[in-house]
Protein backbone atom coordinates (compact mmCIF):
# COMPACT_ATOMS: atom_id res chain seq x y z
CA MET A 1 -6.58 8.90 1.47
CA THR A 2 -5.14 6.46 -1.05
CA GLU A 3 -6.36 2.95 -1.81
CA LEU A 4 -3.50 1.63 0.32
CA GLY A 5 -4.61 3.88 3.15
CA LEU A 6 -8.17 2.63 2.80
CA TYR A 7 -6.89 -0.95 2.88
CA PHE A 8 -4.93 -0.25 6.08
CA ALA A 9 -8.02 1.30 7.67
CA LYS A 10 -10.38 -1.46 6.54
CA LYS A 11 -8.10 -4.19 7.91
CA SER A 12 -7.09 -2.16 11.02
CA ILE A 13 -3.43 -2.55 10.09
CA ASN A 14 -0.90 -1.01 12.43
CA ARG A 15 1.61 0.97 10.36
CA SER A 16 4.25 0.73 13.08
CA ASP A 17 4.14 -3.06 12.81
CA VAL A 18 4.38 -2.88 9.02
CA SER A 19 7.30 -0.48 9.31
CA ARG A 20 9.12 -2.74 11.74
CA LYS A 21 8.57 -5.84 9.57
CA THR A 22 9.41 -4.23 6.22
CA GLY A 23 11.99 -1.58 7.01
CA ILE A 24 9.78 1.02 5.31
CA SER A 25 9.70 4.11 7.51
CA LYS A 26 6.48 5.15 9.25
CA THR A 27 6.76 8.48 7.45
CA ARG A 28 6.92 6.75 4.06
CA LEU A 29 3.95 4.52 4.95
CA SER A 30 1.96 7.60 5.97
CA GLU A 31 2.81 9.27 2.66
CA LEU A 32 1.76 6.13 0.75
CA ALA A 33 -1.49 5.94 2.72
CA ASN A 34 -2.46 9.61 2.59
CA ASN A 35 -0.93 11.33 -0.43
CA SER A 36 -2.30 10.25 -3.82
CA SER A 37 0.64 11.83 -5.65
CA THR A 38 3.15 9.59 -3.84
CA GLN A 39 4.32 6.79 -6.10
CA LEU A 40 4.25 3.29 -4.60
CA ILE A 41 7.25 1.17 -5.59
CA VAL A 42 6.53 -2.48 -6.45
CA ARG A 43 9.14 -3.67 -3.94
CA GLU A 44 7.33 -1.71 -1.19
CA LEU A 45 3.99 -3.20 -2.16
CA TYR A 46 5.46 -6.70 -2.09
CA LEU A 47 7.03 -6.17 1.34
CA ILE A 48 3.78 -4.73 2.68
CA SER A 49 1.82 -7.71 1.38
CA LEU A 50 4.23 -10.09 3.13
CA ALA A 51 4.02 -8.09 6.38
CA VAL A 52 0.19 -8.13 6.44
CA ASP A 53 -0.06 -11.73 5.22
CA GLU A 54 -1.94 -10.80 2.04
CA ASP A 55 -1.56 -12.22 -1.45
CA PRO A 56 0.65 -9.76 -3.37
CA GLY A 57 -1.54 -10.08 -6.48
CA PHE A 58 -4.67 -9.23 -4.52
CA LEU A 59 -3.05 -6.20 -2.88
CA PHE A 60 -1.70 -5.03 -6.24
CA THR A 61 -5.17 -5.27 -7.78
CA TYR A 62 -6.76 -3.58 -4.77
CA VAL A 63 -4.32 -0.67 -4.75
CA CYS A 64 -4.50 -0.21 -8.54
CA LYS A 65 -8.27 -0.38 -8.94
CA GLY A 66 -9.52 2.49 -11.02
CA ILE A 67 -6.35 2.73 -13.08
CA GLU A 68 -7.06 2.30 -16.78
CA LEU A 69 -5.31 2.72 -20.08
CA PRO A 70 -5.88 6.12 -21.68
CA LYS A 71 -8.57 6.28 -24.36
CA GLU A 72 -7.18 6.35 -27.89
């Protein structure tokens, strides 16, 4: 499960509602929530944050936690 998937679970977010509000398919939301190799597009993240009434900056930080610059 991805960080977005964990966020959905923690907040008990209904993916069907998010899909209806954003136009992002339920299949795509499932991929974003379950498959760590699926790339989340910024536009999708912004739409999701609007649909779940969350600050886009907070959701961005939440979803991207653990991502760091490579060591030199």
